[in-house]
PDB file of N, CA and C in Angstrom:
ATOM      1  N   MET A   1     -45.638  10.672  -3.657  1.00  0.00           N
ATOM      2  CA  MET A   1     -44.398  10.213  -4.264  1.00  0.00           C
ATOM      3  C   MET A   1     -44.428  10.441  -5.777  1.00  0.00           C
ATOM      4  N   GLU A   2     -45.565  10.167  -6.391  1.00  0.00           N
ATOM      5  CA  GLU A   2     -45.691  10.381  -7.839  1.00  0.00           C
ATOM      6  C   GLU A   2     -45.493  11.851  -8.193  1.00  0.00           C
ATOM      7  N   ARG A   3     -45.969  12.711  -7.337  1.00  0.00           N
ATOM      8  CA  ARG A   3     -45.833  14.143  -7.586  1.00  0.00           C
ATOM      9  C   ARG A   3     -44.364  14.557  -7.527  1.00  0.00           C
ATOM     10  N   TYR A   4     -43.620  13.970  -6.573  1.00  0.00           N
ATOM     11  CA  TYR A   4     -42.193  14.271  -6.442  1.00  0.00           C
ATOM     12  C   TYR A   4     -41.406  13.711  -7.622  1.00  0.00           C
ATOM     13  N   LEU A   5     -41.773  12.525  -8.093  1.00  0.00           N
ATOM     14  CA  LEU A   5     -41.070  11.913  -9.223  1.00  0.00           C
ATOM     15  C   LEU A   5     -41.353  12.634 -10.537  1.00  0.00           C
ATOM     16  N   ALA A   6     -42.456  13.343 -10.613  1.00  0.00           N
ATOM     17  CA  ALA A   6     -42.808  14.041 -11.852  1.00  0.00           C
ATOM     18  C   ALA A   6     -41.811  15.153 -12.181  1.00  0.00           C
ATOM     19  N   THR A   7     -41.041  15.600 -11.199  1.00  0.00           N
ATOM     20  CA  THR A   7     -40.076  16.668 -11.461  1.00  0.00           C
ATOM     21  C   THR A   7     -38.828  16.151 -12.181  1.00  0.00           C
ATOM     22  N   PHE A   8     -38.608  14.835 -12.169  1.00  0.00           N
ATOM     23  CA  PHE A   8     -37.445  14.249 -12.829  1.00  0.00           C
ATOM     24  C   PHE A   8     -37.759  13.880 -14.272  1.00  0.00           C
ATOM     25  N   SER A   9     -36.702  13.630 -15.042  1.00  0.00           N
ATOM     26  CA  SER A   9     -36.893  13.198 -16.420  1.00  0.00           C
ATOM     27  C   SER A   9     -37.364  11.747 -16.438  1.00  0.00           C
ATOM     28  N   VAL A  10     -37.782  11.287 -17.613  1.00  0.00           N
ATOM     29  CA  VAL A  10     -38.304   9.932 -17.750  1.00  0.00           C
ATOM     30  C   VAL A  10     -37.232   8.889 -17.415  1.00  0.00           C
ATOM     31  N   LEU A  11     -36.008   9.099 -17.872  1.00  0.00           N
ATOM     32  CA  LEU A  11     -34.933   8.141 -17.595  1.00  0.00           C
ATOM     33  C   LEU A  11     -34.600   8.076 -16.103  1.00  0.00           C
ATOM     34  N   THR A  12     -34.615   9.214 -15.428  1.00  0.00           N
ATOM     35  CA  THR A  12     -34.331   9.230 -13.996  1.00  0.00           C
ATOM     36  C   THR A  12     -35.438   8.528 -13.222  1.00  0.00           C
ATOM     37  N   ARG A  13     -36.704   8.772 -13.620  1.00  0.00           N
ATOM     38  CA  ARG A  13     -37.823   8.085 -12.956  1.00  0.00           C
ATOM     39  C   ARG A  13     -37.751   6.581 -13.153  1.00  0.00           C
ATOM     40  N   LEU A  14     -37.354   6.152 -14.333  1.00  0.00           N
ATOM     41  CA  LEU A  14     -37.237   4.724 -14.616  1.00  0.00           C
ATOM     42  C   LEU A  14     -36.138   4.090 -13.764  1.00  0.00           C
ATOM     43  N   ALA A  15     -35.021   4.787 -13.611  1.00  0.00           N
ATOM     44  CA  ALA A  15     -33.926   4.267 -12.796  1.00  0.00           C
ATOM     45  C   ALA A  15     -34.347   4.163 -11.324  1.00  0.00           C
ATOM     46  N   ILE A  16     -35.048   5.164 -10.820  1.00  0.00           N
ATOM     47  CA  ILE A  16     -35.494   5.137  -9.425  1.00  0.00           C
ATOM     48  C   ILE A  16     -36.506   4.026  -9.198  1.00  0.00           C
ATOM     49  N   LYS A  17     -37.422   3.834 -10.126  1.00  0.00           N
ATOM     50  CA  LYS A  17     -38.417   2.758  -9.984  1.00  0.00           C
ATOM     51  C   LYS A  17     -37.758   1.381 -10.045  1.00  0.00           C
ATOM     52  N   ASN A  18     -36.722   1.230 -10.863  1.00  0.00           N
ATOM     53  CA  ASN A  18     -36.031  -0.058 -10.947  1.00  0.00           C
ATOM     54  C   ASN A  18     -35.292  -0.399  -9.660  1.00  0.00           C
ATOM     55  N   VAL A  19     -34.858   0.612  -8.931  1.00  0.00           N
ATOM     56  CA  VAL A  19     -34.191   0.363  -7.647  1.00  0.00           C
ATOM     57  C   VAL A  19     -35.172  -0.291  -6.676  1.00  0.00           C
ATOM     58  N   PHE A  20     -36.399   0.175  -6.660  1.00  0.00           N
ATOM     59  CA  PHE A  20     -37.387  -0.355  -5.716  1.00  0.00           C
ATOM     60  C   PHE A  20     -38.132  -1.584  -6.263  1.00  0.00           C
ATOM     61  N   ARG A  21     -37.998  -1.875  -7.536  1.00  0.00           N
ATOM     62  CA  ARG A  21     -38.701  -3.011  -8.121  1.00  0.00           C
ATOM     63  C   ARG A  21     -38.130  -4.336  -7.621  1.00  0.00           C
ATOM     64  N   ASP A  22     -36.806  -4.452  -7.545  1.00  0.00           N
ATOM     65  CA  ASP A  22     -36.166  -5.679  -7.047  1.00  0.00           C
ATOM     66  C   ASP A  22     -35.094  -5.284  -6.032  1.00  0.00           C
ATOM     67  N   PRO A  23     -35.485  -5.131  -4.748  1.00  0.00           N
ATOM     68  CA  PRO A  23     -34.529  -4.647  -3.748  1.00  0.00           C
ATOM     69  C   PRO A  23     -33.364  -5.599  -3.522  1.00  0.00           C
ATOM     70  N   LYS A  24     -33.572  -6.899  -3.681  1.00  0.00           N
ATOM     71  CA  LYS A  24     -32.487  -7.862  -3.475  1.00  0.00           C
ATOM     72  C   LYS A  24     -31.392  -7.663  -4.531  1.00  0.00           C
ATOM     73  N   ARG A  25     -31.782  -7.485  -5.759  1.00  0.00           N
ATOM     74  CA  ARG A  25     -30.808  -7.253  -6.830  1.00  0.00           C
ATOM     75  C   ARG A  25     -30.069  -5.930  -6.612  1.00  0.00           C
ATOM     76  N   THR A  26     -30.786  -4.915  -6.160  1.00  0.00           N
ATOM     77  CA  THR A  26     -30.164  -3.624  -5.868  1.00  0.00           C
ATOM     78  C   THR A  26     -29.137  -3.756  -4.751  1.00  0.00           C
ATOM     79  N   LEU A  27     -29.472  -4.533  -3.720  1.00  0.00           N
ATOM     80  CA  LEU A  27     -28.552  -4.742  -2.614  1.00  0.00           C
ATOM     81  C   LEU A  27     -27.312  -5.499  -3.068  1.00  0.00           C
ATOM     82  N   TYR A  28     -27.480  -6.536  -3.880  1.00  0.00           N
ATOM     83  CA  TYR A  28     -26.327  -7.287  -4.398  1.00  0.00           C
ATOM     84  C   TYR A  28     -25.433  -6.402  -5.265  1.00  0.00           C
ATOM     85  N   THR A  29     -26.033  -5.580  -6.085  1.00  0.00           N
ATOM     86  CA  THR A  29     -25.255  -4.670  -6.934  1.00  0.00           C
ATOM     87  C   THR A  29     -24.480  -3.666  -6.087  1.00  0.00           C
ATOM     88  N   PHE A  30     -25.139  -3.143  -5.055  1.00  0.00           N
ATOM     89  CA  PHE A  30     -24.474  -2.188  -4.163  1.00  0.00           C
ATOM     90  C   PHE A  30     -23.278  -2.837  -3.474  1.00  0.00           C
ATOM     91  N   PHE A  31     -23.456  -4.051  -2.949  1.00  0.00           N
ATOM     92  CA  PHE A  31     -22.341  -4.729  -2.288  1.00  0.00           C
ATOM     93  C   PHE A  31     -21.233  -5.091  -3.269  1.00  0.00           C
ATOM     94  N   GLY A  32     -21.570  -5.399  -4.503  1.00  0.00           N
ATOM     95  CA  GLY A  32     -20.556  -5.659  -5.519  1.00  0.00           C
ATOM     96  C   GLY A  32     -19.718  -4.428  -5.815  1.00  0.00           C
ATOM     97  N   VAL A  33     -20.360  -3.288  -5.922  1.00  0.00           N
ATOM     98  CA  VAL A  33     -19.640  -2.035  -6.169  1.00  0.00           C
ATOM     99  C   VAL A  33     -18.752  -1.688  -4.965  1.00  0.00           C
ATOM    100  N   VAL A  34     -19.262  -1.896  -3.760  1.00  0.00           N
ATOM    101  CA  VAL A  34     -18.473  -1.633  -2.557  1.00  0.00           C
ATOM    102  C   VAL A  34     -17.269  -2.563  -2.501  1.00  0.00           C
ATOM    103  N   LEU A  35     -17.447  -3.834  -2.858  1.00  0.00           N
ATOM    104  CA  LEU A  35     -16.342  -4.795  -2.857  1.00  0.00           C
ATOM    105  C   LEU A  35     -15.258  -4.404  -3.851  1.00  0.00           C
ATOM    106  N   ILE A  36     -15.653  -3.980  -5.032  1.00  0.00           N
ATOM    107  CA  ILE A  36     -14.679  -3.553  -6.044  1.00  0.00           C
ATOM    108  C   ILE A  36     -13.934  -2.303  -5.575  1.00  0.00           C
ATOM    109  N   ALA A  37     -14.652  -1.339  -5.011  1.00  0.00           N
ATOM    110  CA  ALA A  37     -14.004  -0.117  -4.525  1.00  0.00           C
ATOM    111  C   ALA A  37     -13.044  -0.425  -3.380  1.00  0.00           C
ATOM    112  N   THR A  38     -13.423  -1.348  -2.510  1.00  0.00           N
ATOM    113  CA  THR A  38     -12.550  -1.721  -1.395  1.00  0.00           C
ATOM    114  C   THR A  38     -11.281  -2.400  -1.892  1.00  0.00           C
ATOM    115  N   SER A  39     -11.415  -3.284  -2.870  1.00  0.00           N
ATOM    116  CA  SER A  39     -10.224  -3.966  -3.384  1.00  0.00           C
ATOM    117  C   SER A  39      -9.292  -3.000  -4.095  1.00  0.00           C
ATOM    118  N   ILE A  40      -9.829  -2.033  -4.803  1.00  0.00           N
ATOM    119  CA  ILE A  40      -8.978  -1.023  -5.454  1.00  0.00           C
ATOM    120  C   ILE A  40      -8.262  -0.178  -4.403  1.00  0.00           C
ATOM    121  N   ALA A  41      -8.974   0.187  -3.340  1.00  0.00           N
ATOM    122  CA  ALA A  41      -8.342   0.958  -2.267  1.00  0.00           C
ATOM    123  C   ALA A  41      -7.272   0.134  -1.564  1.00  0.00           C
ATOM    124  N   PHE A  42      -7.496  -1.168  -1.404  1.00  0.00           N
ATOM    125  CA  PHE A  42      -6.513  -2.030  -0.761  1.00  0.00           C
ATOM    126  C   PHE A  42      -5.248  -2.134  -1.605  1.00  0.00           C
ATOM    127  N   ILE A  43      -5.393  -2.235  -2.915  1.00  0.00           N
ATOM    128  CA  ILE A  43      -4.227  -2.294  -3.806  1.00  0.00           C
ATOM    129  C   ILE A  43      -3.423  -0.998  -3.695  1.00  0.00           C
ATOM    130  N   ASP A  44      -4.104   0.142  -3.667  1.00  0.00           N
ATOM    131  CA  ASP A  44      -3.410   1.422  -3.507  1.00  0.00           C
ATOM    132  C   ASP A  44      -2.720   1.516  -2.157  1.00  0.00           C
ATOM    133  N   PHE A  45      -3.371   0.985  -1.110  1.00  0.00           N
ATOM    134  CA  PHE A  45      -2.784   1.011   0.224  1.00  0.00           C
ATOM    135  C   PHE A  45      -1.503   0.187   0.277  1.00  0.00           C
ATOM    136  N   VAL A  46      -1.523  -1.003  -0.299  1.00  0.00           N
ATOM    137  CA  VAL A  46      -0.336  -1.861  -0.292  1.00  0.00           C
ATOM    138  C   VAL A  46       0.785  -1.219  -1.095  1.00  0.00           C
ATOM    139  N   ASP A  47       0.465  -0.613  -2.220  1.00  0.00           N
ATOM    140  CA  ASP A  47       1.468   0.066  -3.035  1.00  0.00           C
ATOM    141  C   ASP A  47       2.119   1.213  -2.254  1.00  0.00           C
ATOM    142  N   GLU A  48       1.303   1.998  -1.572  1.00  0.00           N
ATOM    143  CA  GLU A  48       1.844   3.108  -0.775  1.00  0.00           C
ATOM    144  C   GLU A  48       2.664   2.594   0.405  1.00  0.00           C
ATOM    145  N   MET A  49       2.215   1.511   1.034  1.00  0.00           N
ATOM    146  CA  MET A  49       2.946   0.938   2.163  1.00  0.00           C
ATOM    147  C   MET A  49       4.325   0.449   1.720  1.00  0.00           C
ATOM    148  N   LEU A  50       4.411  -0.217   0.575  1.00  0.00           N
ATOM    149  CA  LEU A  50       5.700  -0.673   0.058  1.00  0.00           C
ATOM    150  C   LEU A  50       6.597   0.503  -0.321  1.00  0.00           C
ATOM    151  N   HIS A  51       5.999   1.544  -0.885  1.00  0.00           N
ATOM    152  CA  HIS A  51       6.770   2.740  -1.235  1.00  0.00           C
ATOM    153  C   HIS A  51       7.391   3.368   0.014  1.00  0.00           C
ATOM    154  N   ILE A  52       6.606   3.508   1.075  1.00  0.00           N
ATOM    155  CA  ILE A  52       7.129   4.100   2.309  1.00  0.00           C
ATOM    156  C   ILE A  52       8.216   3.218   2.904  1.00  0.00           C
ATOM    157  N   GLN A  53       7.991   1.905   2.939  1.00  0.00           N
ATOM    158  CA  GLN A  53       8.961   1.010   3.567  1.00  0.00           C
ATOM    159  C   GLN A  53      10.296   1.018   2.840  1.00  0.00           C
ATOM    160  N   PHE A  54      10.283   0.907   1.513  1.00  0.00           N
ATOM    161  CA  PHE A  54      11.528   0.718   0.788  1.00  0.00           C
ATOM    162  C   PHE A  54      12.125   1.996   0.211  1.00  0.00           C
ATOM    163  N   ASP A  55      11.406   3.111   0.220  1.00  0.00           N
ATOM    164  CA  ASP A  55      11.976   4.373  -0.264  1.00  0.00           C
ATOM    165  C   ASP A  55      12.258   5.371   0.849  1.00  0.00           C
ATOM    166  N   ARG A  56      11.616   5.215   2.011  1.00  0.00           N
ATOM    167  CA  ARG A  56      11.835   6.161   3.107  1.00  0.00           C
ATOM    168  C   ARG A  56      12.469   5.513   4.329  1.00  0.00           C
ATOM    169  N   VAL A  57      12.002   4.326   4.706  1.00  0.00           N
ATOM    170  CA  VAL A  57      12.459   3.704   5.946  1.00  0.00           C
ATOM    171  C   VAL A  57      13.698   2.859   5.711  1.00  0.00           C
ATOM    172  N   GLN A  58      13.604   1.936   4.813  1.00  0.00           N
ATOM    173  CA  GLN A  58      14.666   0.947   4.595  1.00  0.00           C
ATOM    174  C   GLN A  58      15.408   1.309   3.313  1.00  0.00           C
ATOM    175  N   THR A  59      16.292   2.294   3.406  1.00  0.00           N
ATOM    176  CA  THR A  59      16.945   2.806   2.199  1.00  0.00           C
ATOM    177  C   THR A  59      18.321   2.205   1.963  1.00  0.00           C
ATOM    178  N   PHE A  60      18.687   1.187   2.716  1.00  0.00           N
ATOM    179  CA  PHE A  60      19.993   0.577   2.509  1.00  0.00           C
ATOM    180  C   PHE A  60      19.906  -0.509   1.442  1.00  0.00           C
ATOM    181  N   ASP A  61      21.070  -0.842   0.874  1.00  0.00           N
ATOM    182  CA  ASP A  61      21.121  -1.843  -0.173  1.00  0.00           C
ATOM    183  C   ASP A  61      21.653  -3.173   0.313  1.00  0.00           C
ATOM    184  N   TYR A  62      22.497  -3.146   1.306  1.00  0.00           N
ATOM    185  CA  TYR A  62      23.135  -4.385   1.741  1.00  0.00           C
ATOM    186  C   TYR A  62      23.312  -4.351   3.247  1.00  0.00           C
ATOM    187  N   LYS A  63      23.027  -5.451   3.917  1.00  0.00           N
ATOM    188  CA  LYS A  63      23.151  -5.554   5.363  1.00  0.00           C
ATOM    189  C   LYS A  63      24.364  -6.408   5.682  1.00  0.00           C
ATOM    190  N   VAL A  64      25.268  -5.875   6.515  1.00  0.00           N
ATOM    191  CA  VAL A  64      26.492  -6.583   6.869  1.00  0.00           C
ATOM    192  C   VAL A  64      26.402  -6.986   8.334  1.00  0.00           C
ATOM    193  N   GLU A  65      26.600  -8.261   8.605  1.00  0.00           N
ATOM    194  CA  GLU A  65      26.625  -8.751   9.982  1.00  0.00           C
ATOM    195  C   GLU A  65      27.968  -9.404  10.243  1.00  0.00           C
ATOM    196  N   CYS A  66      28.524  -9.115  11.414  1.00  0.00           N
ATOM    197  CA  CYS A  66      29.796  -9.706  11.795  1.00  0.00           C
ATOM    198  C   CYS A  66      29.647 -10.252  13.205  1.00  0.00           C
ATOM    199  N   SER A  67      29.662 -11.558  13.345  1.00  0.00           N
ATOM    200  CA  SER A  67      29.510 -12.141  14.678  1.00  0.00           C
ATOM    201  C   SER A  67      30.815 -12.761  15.180  1.00  0.00           C
ATOM    202  N   ASP A  68      31.882 -12.721  14.373  1.00  0.00           N
ATOM    203  CA  ASP A  68      33.177 -13.255  14.780  1.00  0.00           C
ATOM    204  C   ASP A  68      33.925 -12.156  15.531  1.00  0.00           C
ATOM    205  N   VAL A  69      33.772 -12.127  16.847  1.00  0.00           N
ATOM    206  CA  VAL A  69      34.351 -11.059  17.658  1.00  0.00           C
ATOM    207  C   VAL A  69      35.871 -11.102  17.668  1.00  0.00           C
ATOM    208  N   THR A  70      36.450 -12.276  17.584  1.00  0.00           N
ATOM    209  CA  THR A  70      37.919 -12.369  17.630  1.00  0.00           C
ATOM    210  C   THR A  70      38.555 -11.706  16.418  1.00  0.00           C
ATOM    211  N   ALA A  71      37.937 -11.815  15.268  1.00  0.00           N
ATOM    212  CA  ALA A  71      38.489 -11.188  14.068  1.00  0.00           C
ATOM    213  C   ALA A  71      38.396  -9.671  14.158  1.00  0.00           C
ATOM    214  N   VAL A  72      37.371  -9.177  14.765  1.00  0.00           N
ATOM    215  CA  VAL A  72      37.206  -7.727  14.876  1.00  0.00           C
ATOM    216  C   VAL A  72      38.064  -7.183  16.010  1.00  0.00           C
ATOM    217  N   LYS A  73      38.207  -7.931  17.077  1.00  0.00           N
ATOM    218  CA  LYS A  73      38.914  -7.456  18.259  1.00  0.00           C
ATOM    219  C   LYS A  73      40.409  -7.227  18.016  1.00  0.00           C
ATOM    220  N   ARG A  74      40.983  -7.821  17.006  1.00  0.00           N
ATOM    221  CA  ARG A  74      42.399  -7.584  16.703  1.00  0.00           C
ATOM    222  C   ARG A  74      42.654  -6.145  16.311  1.00  0.00           C
ATOM    223  N   ASP A  75      41.705  -5.537  15.619  1.00  0.00           N
ATOM    224  CA  ASP A  75      41.917  -4.211  15.054  1.00  0.00           C
ATOM    225  C   ASP A  75      41.319  -3.076  15.878  1.00  0.00           C
ATOM    226  N   VAL A  76      40.452  -3.386  16.842  1.00  0.00           N
ATOM    227  CA  VAL A  76      39.810  -2.333  17.633  1.00  0.00           C
ATOM    228  C   VAL A  76      40.014  -2.595  19.122  1.00  0.00           C
ATOM    229  N   ARG A  77      39.808  -1.550  19.926  1.00  0.00           N
ATOM    230  CA  ARG A  77      39.990  -1.682  21.381  1.00  0.00           C
ATOM    231  C   ARG A  77      38.888  -2.487  22.035  1.00  0.00           C
ATOM    232  N   GLU A  78      37.661  -2.288  21.604  1.00  0.00           N
ATOM    233  CA  GLU A  78      36.531  -2.948  22.239  1.00  0.00           C
ATOM    234  C   GLU A  78      35.555  -3.404  21.156  1.00  0.00           C
ATOM    235  N   ALA A  79      35.024  -4.600  21.309  1.00  0.00           N
ATOM    236  CA  ALA A  79      34.088  -5.131  20.312  1.00  0.00           C
ATOM    237  C   ALA A  79      32.913  -5.773  21.022  1.00  0.00           C
ATOM    238  N   TYR A  80      31.775  -5.679  20.402  1.00  0.00           N
ATOM    239  CA  TYR A  80      30.560  -6.306  20.910  1.00  0.00           C
ATOM    240  C   TYR A  80      30.299  -7.582  20.124  1.00  0.00           C
ATOM    241  N   PRO A  81      29.532  -8.511  20.684  1.00  0.00           N
ATOM    242  CA  PRO A  81      29.321  -9.789  19.988  1.00  0.00           C
ATOM    243  C   PRO A  81      28.646  -9.653  18.629  1.00  0.00           C
ATOM    244  N   ILE A  82      27.799  -8.654  18.457  1.00  0.00           N
ATOM    245  CA  ILE A  82      27.104  -8.499  17.177  1.00  0.00           C
ATOM    246  C   ILE A  82      27.321  -7.076  16.678  1.00  0.00           C
ATOM    247  N   ILE A  83      27.792  -6.968  15.466  1.00  0.00           N
ATOM    248  CA  ILE A  83      27.941  -5.668  14.808  1.00  0.00           C
ATOM    249  C   ILE A  83      27.078  -5.733  13.555  1.00  0.00           C
ATOM    250  N   GLU A  84      26.227  -4.741  13.396  1.00  0.00           N
ATOM    251  CA  GLU A  84      25.314  -4.755  12.263  1.00  0.00           C
ATOM    252  C   GLU A  84      25.250  -3.356  11.683  1.00  0.00           C
ATOM    253  N   THR A  85      25.386  -3.246  10.389  1.00  0.00           N
ATOM    254  CA  THR A  85      25.300  -1.942   9.743  1.00  0.00           C
ATOM    255  C   THR A  85      24.692  -2.101   8.363  1.00  0.00           C
ATOM    256  N   TRP A  86      24.228  -1.015   7.809  1.00  0.00           N
ATOM    257  CA  TRP A  86      23.650  -1.025   6.475  1.00  0.00           C
ATOM    258  C   TRP A  86      24.523  -0.188   5.564  1.00  0.00           C
ATOM    259  N   ILE A  87      24.732  -0.675   4.394  1.00  0.00           N
ATOM    260  CA  ILE A  87      25.628  -0.010   3.463  1.00  0.00           C
ATOM    261  C   ILE A  87      24.858   0.340   2.192  1.00  0.00           C
ATOM    262  N   PRO A  88      24.688   1.617   1.893  1.00  0.00           N
ATOM    263  CA  PRO A  88      24.114   1.986   0.602  1.00  0.00           C
ATOM    264  C   PRO A  88      25.183   1.874  -0.480  1.00  0.00           C
ATOM    265  N   ILE A  89      24.849   1.270  -1.580  1.00  0.00           N
ATOM    266  CA  ILE A  89      25.801   1.067  -2.669  1.00  0.00           C
ATOM    267  C   ILE A  89      25.563   2.134  -3.725  1.00  0.00           C
ATOM    268  N   GLY A  90      26.634   2.772  -4.152  1.00  0.00           N
ATOM    269  CA  GLY A  90      26.505   3.810  -5.163  1.00  0.00           C
ATOM    270  C   GLY A  90      27.617   3.699  -6.187  1.00  0.00           C
ATOM    271  N   ARG A  91      27.529   4.523  -7.236  1.00  0.00           N
ATOM    272  CA  ARG A  91      28.534   4.544  -8.290  1.00  0.00           C
ATOM    273  C   ARG A  91      28.767   5.978  -8.706  1.00  0.00           C
ATOM    274  N   ASN A  92      29.997   6.353  -8.862  1.00  0.00           N
ATOM    275  CA  ASN A  92      30.395   7.715  -9.286  1.00  0.00           C
ATOM    276  C   ASN A  92      29.854   8.780  -8.322  1.00  0.00           C
ATOM    277  N   GLY A  93      29.877   8.481  -7.049  1.00  0.00           N
ATOM    278  CA  GLY A  93      29.448   9.460  -6.057  1.00  0.00           C
ATOM    279  C   GLY A  93      27.954   9.575  -5.846  1.00  0.00           C
ATOM    280  N   SER A  94      27.164   8.809  -6.570  1.00  0.00           N
ATOM    281  CA  SER A  94      25.713   8.886  -6.376  1.00  0.00           C
ATOM    282  C   SER A  94      25.236   7.626  -5.654  1.00  0.00           C
ATOM    283  N   GLN A  95      24.329   7.828  -4.730  1.00  0.00           N
ATOM    284  CA  GLN A  95      23.812   6.699  -3.942  1.00  0.00           C
ATOM    285  C   GLN A  95      22.656   6.061  -4.721  1.00  0.00           C
ATOM    286  N   SER A  96      22.654   4.731  -4.760  1.00  0.00           N
ATOM    287  CA  SER A  96      21.582   4.042  -5.462  1.00  0.00           C
ATOM    288  C   SER A  96      20.325   4.042  -4.623  1.00  0.00           C
ATOM    289  N   ARG A  97      19.177   3.916  -5.264  1.00  0.00           N
ATOM    290  CA  ARG A  97      17.882   3.917  -4.587  1.00  0.00           C
ATOM    291  C   ARG A  97      17.077   2.700  -5.017  1.00  0.00           C
ATOM    292  N   VAL A  98      16.289   2.204  -4.102  1.00  0.00           N
ATOM    293  CA  VAL A  98      15.381   1.108  -4.425  1.00  0.00           C
ATOM    294  C   VAL A  98      14.118   1.707  -4.997  1.00  0.00           C
ATOM    295  N   ILE A  99      13.709   1.233  -6.163  1.00  0.00           N
ATOM    296  CA  ILE A  99      12.518   1.781  -6.813  1.00  0.00           C
ATOM    297  C   ILE A  99      11.437   0.736  -6.845  1.00  0.00           C
TER     298      ILE A  99
END
């Protein structure tokens, strides 16, 4: 092992020896780095999930529900108990987007 370590610089050999000097501390440090990387990845995942939901899937601005069938039935031939639609709101011919 000493022969293999001799090929590295002094700083690299010192870092490798410190890893094996206190294995418990090395393990705690490794798990701390993994925890930080996981939390950063989770934040990115949630950000991307919200972007997909509100910019690609759910692109409407207002949800209209009409459950009063008698009011609708006066003007149309046939009406169902629940009518639901989504209305994108825009101005000057451009559709608004959720950002």
